């Protein structure tokens, strides 16, 4: 098979974005064998990763150029996560969280992740204990660490959007489908516009 493949999956928790794992089940086991045999133009792979306990939108492709452009840090492709928190947040603190996310703030180090200053992000509250958080980078456990630095704990995390592509609400956990032409074109246009903006800054 010598063609580009583009898939959307609703990743369930309990799976890792690896082809082989000694401890956890690889997300690739949810795909039919014919997809695992794809090696052209390059091997089928995920565009970015989701943690073991994170659910939601996961894209697969064998188009190395597309996946590179969607994940390279300098392109700042937005990713939106639905978050549920351990503790409810007061209206005053909700606004404080929003303002801190707008400017970025210091994230303390943890065992596997060094200290860093997160880039500006967008936080939208749904309820006192749930929100949507849109970030343009992908540091180690970033969403969890951001909310932890703000004094709370993430108890549920689901990616619902990457760039302009939203998770298909009709996809049940573990289900997948090919991207539509409109979805694929929107990703390509996003990359094109980002490239133009990056060139203008140089």
N, C-alpha and C. Protein backbone atom coordinates (compact mmCIF):
# COMPACT_ATOMS: atom_id res chain seq x y z
N UNK A 1 0.85 -1.20 0.00
CA UNK A 1 0.00 0.00 0.00
C UNK A 1 0.89 1.24 0.00
N UNK A 2 0.67 2.11 -0.98
CA UNK A 2 1.48 3.31 -1.09
C UNK A 2 0.57 4.52 -1.16
N UNK A 3 -0.05 4.85 -0.06
CA UNK A 3 -0.93 6.00 0.02
C UNK A 3 -0.94 6.52 1.43
N UNK A 4 -1.34 7.77 1.57
CA UNK A 4 -1.40 8.36 2.90
C UNK A 4 -2.66 7.96 3.62
N UNK A 5 -2.51 7.63 4.90
CA UNK A 5 -3.61 7.23 5.75
C UNK A 5 -3.77 8.28 6.85
N UNK A 6 -5.03 8.66 7.12
CA UNK A 6 -5.31 9.64 8.17
C UNK A 6 -6.51 9.13 8.97
N UNK A 7 -6.29 8.83 10.24
CA UNK A 7 -7.34 8.26 11.08
C UNK A 7 -7.56 9.11 12.33
N UNK A 8 -8.79 9.13 12.80
CA UNK A 8 -9.16 9.72 14.08
C UNK A 8 -9.65 8.60 14.99
N UNK A 9 -9.13 8.55 16.22
CA UNK A 9 -9.59 7.58 17.20
C UNK A 9 -10.04 8.30 18.46
N UNK A 10 -11.05 7.74 19.11
CA UNK A 10 -11.40 8.17 20.46
C UNK A 10 -10.66 7.22 21.41
N UNK A 11 -9.48 7.65 21.82
CA UNK A 11 -8.63 6.79 22.64
C UNK A 11 -9.24 6.59 24.03
N UNK A 12 -9.33 5.33 24.48
CA UNK A 12 -9.78 5.08 25.85
C UNK A 12 -8.60 5.15 26.83
N UNK A 13 -8.88 5.31 28.10
CA UNK A 13 -7.80 5.28 29.08
C UNK A 13 -7.30 3.84 29.21
N UNK A 14 -6.08 3.69 29.69
CA UNK A 14 -5.52 2.35 29.88
C UNK A 14 -4.67 1.88 28.72
N UNK A 15 -4.46 2.75 27.71
CA UNK A 15 -3.64 2.40 26.55
C UNK A 15 -2.52 3.42 26.40
N UNK A 16 -1.35 2.95 25.95
CA UNK A 16 -0.21 3.83 25.74
C UNK A 16 0.04 4.02 24.25
N UNK A 17 0.58 5.18 23.90
CA UNK A 17 0.86 5.50 22.49
C UNK A 17 2.24 4.99 22.10
N UNK A 18 2.43 3.69 22.24
CA UNK A 18 3.67 3.01 21.86
C UNK A 18 3.31 1.78 21.04
N UNK A 19 4.24 1.34 20.21
CA UNK A 19 4.00 0.12 19.44
C UNK A 19 4.23 -1.11 20.29
N UNK A 20 5.13 -0.99 21.28
CA UNK A 20 5.44 -2.11 22.18
C UNK A 20 5.55 -1.59 23.60
N UNK A 21 5.00 -2.32 24.56
CA UNK A 21 5.11 -1.94 25.96
C UNK A 21 5.12 -3.18 26.84
N UNK A 22 6.03 -3.20 27.81
CA UNK A 22 6.12 -4.34 28.73
C UNK A 22 5.01 -4.32 29.78
N UNK A 23 4.46 -3.13 30.07
CA UNK A 23 3.55 -3.00 31.19
C UNK A 23 2.12 -2.67 30.80
N UNK A 24 1.94 -1.94 29.71
CA UNK A 24 0.60 -1.50 29.34
C UNK A 24 0.27 -1.90 27.90
N UNK A 25 -0.99 -1.82 27.54
CA UNK A 25 -1.42 -2.23 26.21
C UNK A 25 -1.24 -1.09 25.21
N UNK A 26 -0.54 -1.33 24.11
CA UNK A 26 -0.37 -0.29 23.09
C UNK A 26 -1.70 0.05 22.42
N UNK A 27 -1.89 1.32 22.11
CA UNK A 27 -3.12 1.77 21.47
C UNK A 27 -3.26 1.16 20.07
N UNK A 28 -2.14 0.75 19.49
CA UNK A 28 -2.17 0.16 18.14
C UNK A 28 -2.94 -1.17 18.11
N UNK A 29 -3.08 -1.81 19.26
CA UNK A 29 -3.83 -3.08 19.29
C UNK A 29 -5.32 -2.86 19.02
N UNK A 30 -5.77 -1.61 19.05
CA UNK A 30 -7.16 -1.31 18.75
C UNK A 30 -7.42 -1.18 17.25
N UNK A 31 -6.35 -1.21 16.45
CA UNK A 31 -6.47 -1.10 15.00
C UNK A 31 -6.43 -2.48 14.35
N UNK A 32 -7.12 -2.66 13.24
CA UNK A 32 -7.05 -3.93 12.50
C UNK A 32 -5.63 -4.18 11.99
N UNK A 33 -5.25 -5.44 11.80
CA UNK A 33 -3.89 -5.80 11.38
C UNK A 33 -3.43 -5.11 10.10
N UNK A 34 -4.36 -4.85 9.17
CA UNK A 34 -3.94 -4.25 7.90
C UNK A 34 -3.35 -2.86 8.08
N UNK A 35 -3.78 -2.15 9.12
CA UNK A 35 -3.21 -0.83 9.37
C UNK A 35 -1.81 -0.94 9.96
N UNK A 36 -1.56 -1.97 10.73
CA UNK A 36 -0.24 -2.14 11.33
C UNK A 36 0.80 -2.52 10.29
N UNK A 37 0.34 -3.02 9.14
CA UNK A 37 1.26 -3.41 8.08
C UNK A 37 1.67 -2.24 7.20
N UNK A 38 1.05 -1.07 7.39
CA UNK A 38 1.35 0.09 6.56
C UNK A 38 2.75 0.62 6.88
N UNK A 39 3.58 0.73 5.88
CA UNK A 39 4.95 1.23 6.06
C UNK A 39 5.30 2.30 5.03
N UNK A 40 4.40 2.66 4.14
CA UNK A 40 4.67 3.66 3.12
C UNK A 40 3.60 4.74 3.14
N UNK A 41 3.97 6.01 2.91
CA UNK A 41 5.32 6.56 2.80
C UNK A 41 6.21 6.31 4.02
N UNK A 42 5.61 6.21 5.21
CA UNK A 42 6.38 5.80 6.38
C UNK A 42 5.46 4.97 7.27
N UNK A 43 5.97 4.48 8.36
CA UNK A 43 5.18 3.61 9.24
C UNK A 43 4.02 4.38 9.87
N UNK A 44 2.88 3.71 10.02
CA UNK A 44 1.74 4.33 10.68
C UNK A 44 2.11 4.69 12.11
N UNK A 45 1.79 5.90 12.53
CA UNK A 45 2.15 6.37 13.87
C UNK A 45 1.13 7.38 14.36
N UNK A 46 1.16 7.67 15.65
CA UNK A 46 0.26 8.68 16.21
C UNK A 46 0.87 10.06 16.01
N UNK A 47 -0.01 11.04 15.83
CA UNK A 47 0.44 12.44 15.75
C UNK A 47 0.43 12.99 17.17
N UNK A 48 1.58 12.96 17.80
CA UNK A 48 1.65 13.30 19.21
C UNK A 48 1.20 12.11 20.04
N UNK A 49 1.09 12.32 21.35
CA UNK A 49 0.73 11.22 22.24
C UNK A 49 -0.29 11.68 23.27
N UNK A 50 -0.95 10.69 23.86
CA UNK A 50 -1.81 10.92 25.02
C UNK A 50 -1.33 9.98 26.12
N UNK A 51 -1.38 10.45 27.37
CA UNK A 51 -0.94 9.64 28.49
C UNK A 51 -1.84 8.42 28.68
N UNK A 52 -1.36 7.48 29.48
CA UNK A 52 -2.07 6.24 29.76
C UNK A 52 -3.51 6.49 30.21
N UNK A 53 -3.69 7.45 31.11
CA UNK A 53 -5.02 7.68 31.67
C UNK A 53 -5.77 8.83 31.01
N UNK A 54 -5.28 9.31 29.87
CA UNK A 54 -5.95 10.38 29.13
C UNK A 54 -6.74 9.80 27.96
N UNK A 55 -7.95 10.28 27.80
CA UNK A 55 -8.83 9.80 26.73
C UNK A 55 -8.90 10.83 25.61
N UNK A 56 -9.62 10.44 24.54
CA UNK A 56 -10.01 11.42 23.54
C UNK A 56 -9.30 11.36 22.21
N UNK A 57 -9.26 12.52 21.56
CA UNK A 57 -8.82 12.63 20.18
C UNK A 57 -7.36 12.22 19.99
N UNK A 58 -7.17 11.20 19.15
CA UNK A 58 -5.83 10.76 18.79
C UNK A 58 -5.81 10.53 17.29
N UNK A 59 -4.86 11.16 16.61
CA UNK A 59 -4.75 11.04 15.16
C UNK A 59 -3.61 10.10 14.79
N UNK A 60 -3.86 9.29 13.77
CA UNK A 60 -2.85 8.38 13.23
C UNK A 60 -2.60 8.74 11.77
N UNK A 61 -1.36 8.57 11.32
CA UNK A 61 -1.04 8.78 9.91
C UNK A 61 0.25 8.07 9.56
N UNK A 62 0.47 7.90 8.27
CA UNK A 62 1.78 7.48 7.77
C UNK A 62 2.41 8.60 6.95
N UNK A 63 1.87 9.80 7.12
CA UNK A 63 2.36 11.01 6.45
C UNK A 63 3.30 11.73 7.42
N UNK A 64 4.58 11.45 7.28
CA UNK A 64 5.57 12.00 8.20
C UNK A 64 5.64 13.51 8.18
N UNK A 65 5.47 14.10 7.01
CA UNK A 65 5.55 15.55 6.89
C UNK A 65 4.41 16.22 7.66
N UNK A 66 3.21 15.69 7.52
CA UNK A 66 2.07 16.26 8.23
C UNK A 66 2.26 16.15 9.74
N UNK A 67 2.62 14.97 10.22
CA UNK A 67 2.76 14.79 11.67
C UNK A 67 3.88 15.67 12.22
N UNK A 68 4.96 15.83 11.47
CA UNK A 68 6.05 16.71 11.91
C UNK A 68 5.56 18.15 12.06
N UNK A 69 4.81 18.62 11.07
CA UNK A 69 4.35 20.01 11.10
C UNK A 69 3.30 20.25 12.18
N UNK A 70 2.58 19.21 12.56
CA UNK A 70 1.56 19.37 13.60
C UNK A 70 2.14 19.26 15.01
N UNK A 71 3.32 18.70 15.14
CA UNK A 71 3.89 18.49 16.47
C UNK A 71 5.15 19.31 16.75
N UNK A 72 5.76 19.88 15.72
CA UNK A 72 6.98 20.67 15.95
C UNK A 72 6.65 21.86 16.85
N UNK A 73 7.39 22.08 17.94
CA UNK A 73 7.06 23.12 18.92
C UNK A 73 6.92 24.52 18.34
N UNK A 74 7.72 24.86 17.33
CA UNK A 74 7.68 26.21 16.78
C UNK A 74 6.38 26.54 16.06
N UNK A 75 5.58 25.53 15.72
CA UNK A 75 4.32 25.78 15.02
C UNK A 75 3.17 26.08 15.97
N UNK A 76 3.32 25.74 17.26
CA UNK A 76 2.33 26.11 18.28
C UNK A 76 0.89 25.73 17.89
N UNK A 77 0.69 24.49 17.50
CA UNK A 77 -0.64 24.03 17.15
C UNK A 77 -1.48 23.85 18.41
N UNK A 78 -2.67 24.46 18.44
CA UNK A 78 -3.52 24.40 19.63
C UNK A 78 -4.07 22.99 19.86
N UNK A 79 -4.18 22.63 21.12
CA UNK A 79 -4.82 21.37 21.54
C UNK A 79 -5.72 21.70 22.72
N UNK A 80 -6.98 21.26 22.64
CA UNK A 80 -7.94 21.56 23.68
C UNK A 80 -8.31 20.30 24.46
N UNK A 81 -8.33 20.44 25.77
CA UNK A 81 -8.62 19.32 26.68
C UNK A 81 -9.82 19.66 27.56
N UNK A 82 -10.67 18.67 27.74
CA UNK A 82 -11.73 18.77 28.73
C UNK A 82 -11.17 18.22 30.04
N UNK A 83 -11.32 18.99 31.11
CA UNK A 83 -10.70 18.67 32.39
C UNK A 83 -11.74 18.63 33.50
N UNK A 84 -11.66 17.60 34.33
CA UNK A 84 -12.45 17.57 35.55
C UNK A 84 -11.50 17.60 36.73
N UNK A 85 -11.85 18.41 37.75
CA UNK A 85 -10.95 18.68 38.86
C UNK A 85 -11.45 18.06 40.16
N UNK A 86 -10.52 17.80 41.04
CA UNK A 86 -10.84 17.20 42.33
C UNK A 86 -11.66 18.14 43.21
N UNK A 87 -11.32 19.44 43.15
CA UNK A 87 -11.98 20.42 44.01
C UNK A 87 -12.70 21.48 43.17
N UNK A 88 -13.85 21.93 43.66
CA UNK A 88 -14.54 23.03 43.01
C UNK A 88 -13.77 24.33 43.20
N UNK A 89 -13.91 25.23 42.25
CA UNK A 89 -13.16 26.50 42.27
C UNK A 89 -14.15 27.65 42.36
N UNK A 90 -13.91 28.56 43.28
CA UNK A 90 -14.80 29.71 43.46
C UNK A 90 -14.76 30.62 42.24
N UNK A 91 -15.78 31.47 42.11
CA UNK A 91 -15.84 32.38 40.97
C UNK A 91 -14.62 33.29 40.91
N UNK A 92 -14.17 33.75 42.06
CA UNK A 92 -12.99 34.63 42.11
C UNK A 92 -11.75 33.89 41.64
N UNK A 93 -11.56 32.68 42.15
CA UNK A 93 -10.39 31.90 41.75
C UNK A 93 -10.47 31.46 40.29
N UNK A 94 -11.68 31.24 39.79
CA UNK A 94 -11.83 30.90 38.37
C UNK A 94 -11.26 32.02 37.50
N UNK A 95 -11.60 33.25 37.85
CA UNK A 95 -11.08 34.39 37.08
C UNK A 95 -9.57 34.51 37.24
N UNK A 96 -9.06 34.24 38.44
CA UNK A 96 -7.61 34.27 38.64
C UNK A 96 -6.92 33.22 37.78
N UNK A 97 -7.50 32.04 37.71
CA UNK A 97 -6.94 30.97 36.87
C UNK A 97 -6.90 31.41 35.41
N UNK A 98 -8.00 32.03 34.96
CA UNK A 98 -8.07 32.49 33.57
C UNK A 98 -6.98 33.50 33.27
N UNK A 99 -6.78 34.45 34.18
CA UNK A 99 -5.77 35.50 33.97
C UNK A 99 -4.36 34.91 33.97
N UNK A 100 -4.10 33.97 34.86
CA UNK A 100 -2.77 33.36 34.90
C UNK A 100 -2.49 32.59 33.61
N UNK A 101 -3.50 31.90 33.10
CA UNK A 101 -3.32 31.14 31.87
C UNK A 101 -3.08 32.09 30.68
N UNK A 102 -3.70 33.24 30.70
CA UNK A 102 -3.52 34.21 29.61
C UNK A 102 -2.07 34.66 29.48
N UNK A 103 -1.39 34.78 30.61
CA UNK A 103 -0.02 35.30 30.61
C UNK A 103 1.03 34.20 30.66
N UNK A 104 0.65 33.00 31.16
CA UNK A 104 1.63 31.95 31.39
C UNK A 104 2.17 32.05 32.79
N UNK A 105 2.67 30.95 33.32
CA UNK A 105 3.19 30.96 34.69
C UNK A 105 4.17 29.81 34.88
N UNK A 106 4.88 29.85 36.00
CA UNK A 106 5.94 28.88 36.27
C UNK A 106 5.34 27.55 36.74
N UNK A 107 5.82 26.47 36.13
CA UNK A 107 5.41 25.12 36.50
C UNK A 107 6.57 24.47 37.26
N UNK A 108 6.35 24.06 38.50
CA UNK A 108 7.44 23.46 39.28
C UNK A 108 7.92 22.14 38.67
N UNK A 109 9.13 21.74 38.98
CA UNK A 109 9.64 20.47 38.45
C UNK A 109 8.96 19.28 39.13
N UNK A 110 8.96 18.15 38.45
CA UNK A 110 8.53 16.91 39.07
C UNK A 110 9.53 15.83 38.66
N UNK A 111 9.33 14.64 39.13
CA UNK A 111 10.33 13.58 38.97
C UNK A 111 10.83 13.42 37.53
N UNK A 112 9.91 13.41 36.57
CA UNK A 112 10.29 13.18 35.18
C UNK A 112 10.19 14.43 34.31
N UNK A 113 9.87 15.55 34.92
CA UNK A 113 9.72 16.77 34.14
C UNK A 113 10.35 17.97 34.81
N UNK A 114 11.24 18.69 34.11
CA UNK A 114 11.89 19.86 34.70
C UNK A 114 10.95 21.05 34.82
N UNK A 115 11.35 22.02 35.61
CA UNK A 115 10.62 23.28 35.74
C UNK A 115 10.54 23.97 34.38
N UNK A 116 9.42 24.62 34.11
CA UNK A 116 9.32 25.42 32.88
C UNK A 116 8.26 26.49 33.06
N UNK A 117 8.32 27.51 32.21
CA UNK A 117 7.32 28.58 32.22
C UNK A 117 6.38 28.31 31.06
N UNK A 118 5.12 27.97 31.37
CA UNK A 118 4.20 27.60 30.30
C UNK A 118 3.80 28.83 29.49
N UNK A 119 3.55 28.60 28.20
CA UNK A 119 3.13 29.67 27.30
C UNK A 119 1.68 30.06 27.60
N UNK A 120 1.26 31.23 27.14
CA UNK A 120 -0.14 31.63 27.33
C UNK A 120 -1.10 30.57 26.80
N UNK A 121 -2.20 30.38 27.52
CA UNK A 121 -3.19 29.39 27.15
C UNK A 121 -4.58 29.96 27.42
N UNK A 122 -5.61 29.22 27.01
CA UNK A 122 -6.98 29.70 27.18
C UNK A 122 -7.76 28.73 28.05
N UNK A 123 -8.33 29.25 29.13
CA UNK A 123 -9.10 28.43 30.06
C UNK A 123 -10.55 28.90 30.04
N UNK A 124 -11.46 27.96 29.83
CA UNK A 124 -12.90 28.26 29.81
C UNK A 124 -13.60 27.36 30.82
N UNK A 125 -14.27 27.97 31.79
CA UNK A 125 -14.93 27.19 32.83
C UNK A 125 -16.28 26.69 32.36
N UNK A 126 -16.58 25.43 32.65
CA UNK A 126 -17.87 24.82 32.35
C UNK A 126 -18.71 24.76 33.63
N UNK A 127 -18.05 24.43 34.72
CA UNK A 127 -18.65 24.37 36.05
C UNK A 127 -17.54 24.66 37.05
N UNK A 128 -17.83 24.76 38.34
CA UNK A 128 -16.76 25.02 39.32
C UNK A 128 -15.68 23.94 39.34
N UNK A 129 -15.96 22.77 38.82
CA UNK A 129 -14.95 21.70 38.85
C UNK A 129 -14.65 21.11 37.47
N UNK A 130 -15.02 21.82 36.40
CA UNK A 130 -14.70 21.34 35.05
C UNK A 130 -14.43 22.51 34.13
N UNK A 131 -13.55 22.30 33.17
CA UNK A 131 -13.16 23.37 32.26
C UNK A 131 -12.60 22.80 30.98
N UNK A 132 -12.46 23.65 29.96
CA UNK A 132 -11.71 23.34 28.76
C UNK A 132 -10.43 24.16 28.78
N UNK A 133 -9.31 23.52 28.56
CA UNK A 133 -8.02 24.21 28.55
C UNK A 133 -7.36 24.00 27.20
N UNK A 134 -7.02 25.10 26.54
CA UNK A 134 -6.36 25.06 25.23
C UNK A 134 -4.92 25.51 25.37
N UNK A 135 -4.00 24.64 25.00
CA UNK A 135 -2.57 24.94 25.07
C UNK A 135 -1.95 24.81 23.68
N UNK A 136 -0.79 25.43 23.50
CA UNK A 136 -0.14 25.39 22.19
C UNK A 136 1.23 24.73 22.27
N UNK A 137 1.45 23.97 23.33
CA UNK A 137 2.70 23.23 23.49
C UNK A 137 2.35 21.89 24.11
N UNK A 138 3.34 21.05 24.32
CA UNK A 138 3.04 19.71 24.82
C UNK A 138 4.12 19.18 25.74
N UNK A 139 4.37 19.89 26.82
CA UNK A 139 5.36 19.44 27.79
C UNK A 139 4.85 18.20 28.53
N UNK A 140 5.76 17.53 29.23
CA UNK A 140 5.44 16.31 29.97
C UNK A 140 4.32 16.56 30.98
N UNK A 141 3.19 15.84 30.84
CA UNK A 141 2.05 15.96 31.74
C UNK A 141 1.62 17.40 31.93
N UNK A 142 1.65 18.18 30.85
CA UNK A 142 1.49 19.63 31.00
C UNK A 142 0.16 20.05 31.63
N UNK A 143 -0.95 19.54 31.13
CA UNK A 143 -2.25 19.98 31.65
C UNK A 143 -2.36 19.66 33.14
N UNK A 144 -1.99 18.46 33.51
CA UNK A 144 -2.05 18.06 34.92
C UNK A 144 -1.16 18.94 35.78
N UNK A 145 0.03 19.23 35.28
CA UNK A 145 0.97 20.04 36.06
C UNK A 145 0.52 21.49 36.16
N UNK A 146 -0.11 22.01 35.10
CA UNK A 146 -0.62 23.38 35.15
C UNK A 146 -1.69 23.53 36.22
N UNK A 147 -2.65 22.61 36.23
CA UNK A 147 -3.72 22.71 37.22
C UNK A 147 -3.22 22.42 38.62
N UNK A 148 -2.22 21.54 38.72
CA UNK A 148 -1.63 21.27 40.03
C UNK A 148 -0.92 22.51 40.57
N UNK A 149 -0.22 23.23 39.67
CA UNK A 149 0.47 24.46 40.07
C UNK A 149 -0.52 25.53 40.51
N UNK A 150 -1.75 25.45 40.03
CA UNK A 150 -2.78 26.41 40.41
C UNK A 150 -3.55 25.96 41.65
N UNK A 151 -3.13 24.82 42.23
CA UNK A 151 -3.70 24.39 43.50
C UNK A 151 -4.81 23.37 43.41
N UNK A 152 -4.89 22.65 42.29
CA UNK A 152 -5.94 21.66 42.15
C UNK A 152 -5.37 20.38 41.56
N UNK A 153 -6.21 19.35 41.41
CA UNK A 153 -5.76 18.07 40.88
C UNK A 153 -6.71 17.60 39.79
N UNK A 154 -6.15 17.20 38.65
CA UNK A 154 -6.94 16.68 37.53
C UNK A 154 -7.34 15.24 37.84
N UNK A 155 -8.64 14.96 37.77
CA UNK A 155 -9.11 13.59 38.00
C UNK A 155 -9.63 12.95 36.72
N UNK A 156 -9.83 13.74 35.68
CA UNK A 156 -10.27 13.21 34.39
C UNK A 156 -9.78 14.15 33.31
N UNK A 157 -9.23 13.57 32.23
CA UNK A 157 -8.65 14.38 31.16
C UNK A 157 -8.97 13.76 29.80
N UNK A 158 -9.48 14.60 28.92
CA UNK A 158 -9.87 14.12 27.59
C UNK A 158 -9.54 15.18 26.55
N UNK A 159 -8.75 14.80 25.54
CA UNK A 159 -8.47 15.76 24.46
C UNK A 159 -9.67 15.77 23.52
N UNK A 160 -10.17 16.97 23.24
CA UNK A 160 -11.35 17.09 22.40
C UNK A 160 -11.09 17.81 21.08
N UNK A 161 -9.90 18.39 20.94
CA UNK A 161 -9.62 19.13 19.70
C UNK A 161 -8.12 19.23 19.48
N UNK A 162 -7.69 19.13 18.22
CA UNK A 162 -6.30 19.34 17.84
C UNK A 162 -6.29 20.20 16.60
N UNK A 163 -5.71 21.41 16.70
CA UNK A 163 -5.83 22.35 15.60
C UNK A 163 -7.30 22.61 15.35
N UNK A 164 -7.76 22.51 14.10
CA UNK A 164 -9.17 22.75 13.79
C UNK A 164 -10.03 21.49 13.88
N UNK A 165 -9.42 20.32 14.14
CA UNK A 165 -10.15 19.05 14.11
C UNK A 165 -10.68 18.70 15.49
N UNK A 166 -11.99 18.48 15.57
CA UNK A 166 -12.63 18.12 16.83
C UNK A 166 -12.93 16.63 16.88
N UNK A 167 -12.91 16.09 18.08
CA UNK A 167 -13.26 14.68 18.27
C UNK A 167 -14.70 14.45 17.84
N UNK A 168 -14.90 13.46 17.01
CA UNK A 168 -16.23 13.07 16.57
C UNK A 168 -17.01 12.52 17.76
N UNK A 169 -18.09 13.19 18.14
CA UNK A 169 -18.86 12.78 19.31
C UNK A 169 -19.57 11.45 19.11
N UNK A 170 -19.65 10.99 17.86
CA UNK A 170 -20.28 9.70 17.59
C UNK A 170 -19.32 8.52 17.79
N UNK A 171 -18.03 8.83 17.95
CA UNK A 171 -17.05 7.77 18.18
C UNK A 171 -17.05 7.36 19.65
N UNK A 172 -17.32 6.10 19.90
CA UNK A 172 -17.23 5.58 21.25
C UNK A 172 -15.76 5.30 21.57
N UNK A 173 -15.38 5.22 22.85
CA UNK A 173 -14.00 4.87 23.18
C UNK A 173 -13.55 3.61 22.45
N UNK A 174 -12.35 3.66 21.87
CA UNK A 174 -11.72 2.59 21.08
C UNK A 174 -12.12 2.63 19.61
N UNK A 175 -13.16 3.38 19.25
CA UNK A 175 -13.58 3.43 17.85
C UNK A 175 -12.74 4.44 17.08
N UNK A 176 -12.64 4.23 15.77
CA UNK A 176 -11.88 5.14 14.92
C UNK A 176 -12.55 5.23 13.56
N UNK A 177 -12.13 6.23 12.80
CA UNK A 177 -12.60 6.40 11.42
C UNK A 177 -11.59 7.22 10.66
N UNK A 178 -11.63 7.17 9.31
CA UNK A 178 -10.76 8.04 8.52
C UNK A 178 -11.16 9.51 8.69
N UNK A 179 -10.20 10.40 8.60
CA UNK A 179 -10.52 11.82 8.58
C UNK A 179 -11.29 12.13 7.30
N UNK A 180 -12.22 13.06 7.39
CA UNK A 180 -12.92 13.52 6.20
C UNK A 180 -11.99 14.44 5.41
N UNK A 181 -12.35 14.70 4.17
CA UNK A 181 -11.55 15.61 3.35
C UNK A 181 -11.55 17.01 3.96
N UNK A 182 -12.70 17.41 4.50
CA UNK A 182 -12.77 18.74 5.13
C UNK A 182 -11.83 18.82 6.32
N UNK A 183 -11.78 17.78 7.14
CA UNK A 183 -10.90 17.77 8.31
C UNK A 183 -9.43 17.80 7.90
N UNK A 184 -9.09 16.97 6.90
CA UNK A 184 -7.70 16.93 6.45
C UNK A 184 -7.29 18.27 5.83
N UNK A 185 -8.16 18.82 5.00
CA UNK A 185 -7.85 20.12 4.38
C UNK A 185 -7.68 21.20 5.44
N UNK A 186 -8.47 21.14 6.50
CA UNK A 186 -8.36 22.15 7.56
C UNK A 186 -7.02 22.05 8.28
N UNK A 187 -6.52 20.82 8.47
CA UNK A 187 -5.20 20.64 9.09
C UNK A 187 -4.11 21.21 8.19
N UNK A 188 -4.21 20.90 6.90
CA UNK A 188 -3.21 21.38 5.94
C UNK A 188 -3.23 22.90 5.87
N UNK A 189 -4.42 23.50 5.86
CA UNK A 189 -4.53 24.96 5.82
C UNK A 189 -3.97 25.60 7.08
N UNK A 190 -4.18 24.95 8.22
CA UNK A 190 -3.64 25.46 9.48
C UNK A 190 -2.12 25.50 9.42
N UNK A 191 -1.52 24.42 8.96
CA UNK A 191 -0.07 24.37 8.84
C UNK A 191 0.44 25.44 7.88
N UNK A 192 -0.27 25.63 6.78
CA UNK A 192 0.12 26.63 5.78
C UNK A 192 0.10 28.03 6.39
N UNK A 193 -0.98 28.34 7.11
CA UNK A 193 -1.10 29.67 7.73
C UNK A 193 -0.04 29.89 8.81
N UNK A 194 0.25 28.84 9.58
CA UNK A 194 1.29 28.93 10.60
C UNK A 194 2.64 29.20 9.96
N UNK A 195 2.90 28.52 8.86
CA UNK A 195 4.17 28.71 8.14
C UNK A 195 4.32 30.14 7.66
N UNK A 196 3.24 30.72 7.13
CA UNK A 196 3.28 32.10 6.66
C UNK A 196 3.57 33.05 7.83
N UNK A 197 2.89 32.84 8.95
CA UNK A 197 3.10 33.69 10.12
C UNK A 197 4.52 33.57 10.68
N UNK A 198 5.04 32.35 10.67
CA UNK A 198 6.42 32.15 11.16
C UNK A 198 7.41 32.88 10.27
N UNK A 199 7.18 32.86 8.96
CA UNK A 199 8.09 33.55 8.03
C UNK A 199 8.02 35.06 8.23
N UNK A 200 6.84 35.57 8.57
CA UNK A 200 6.69 37.01 8.78
C UNK A 200 7.46 37.48 10.00
N UNK A 201 7.58 36.58 11.01
CA UNK A 201 8.28 36.94 12.24
C UNK A 201 9.79 36.95 12.05
N UNK A 202 10.27 36.26 11.03
CA UNK A 202 11.73 36.15 10.83
C UNK A 202 12.30 37.43 10.21
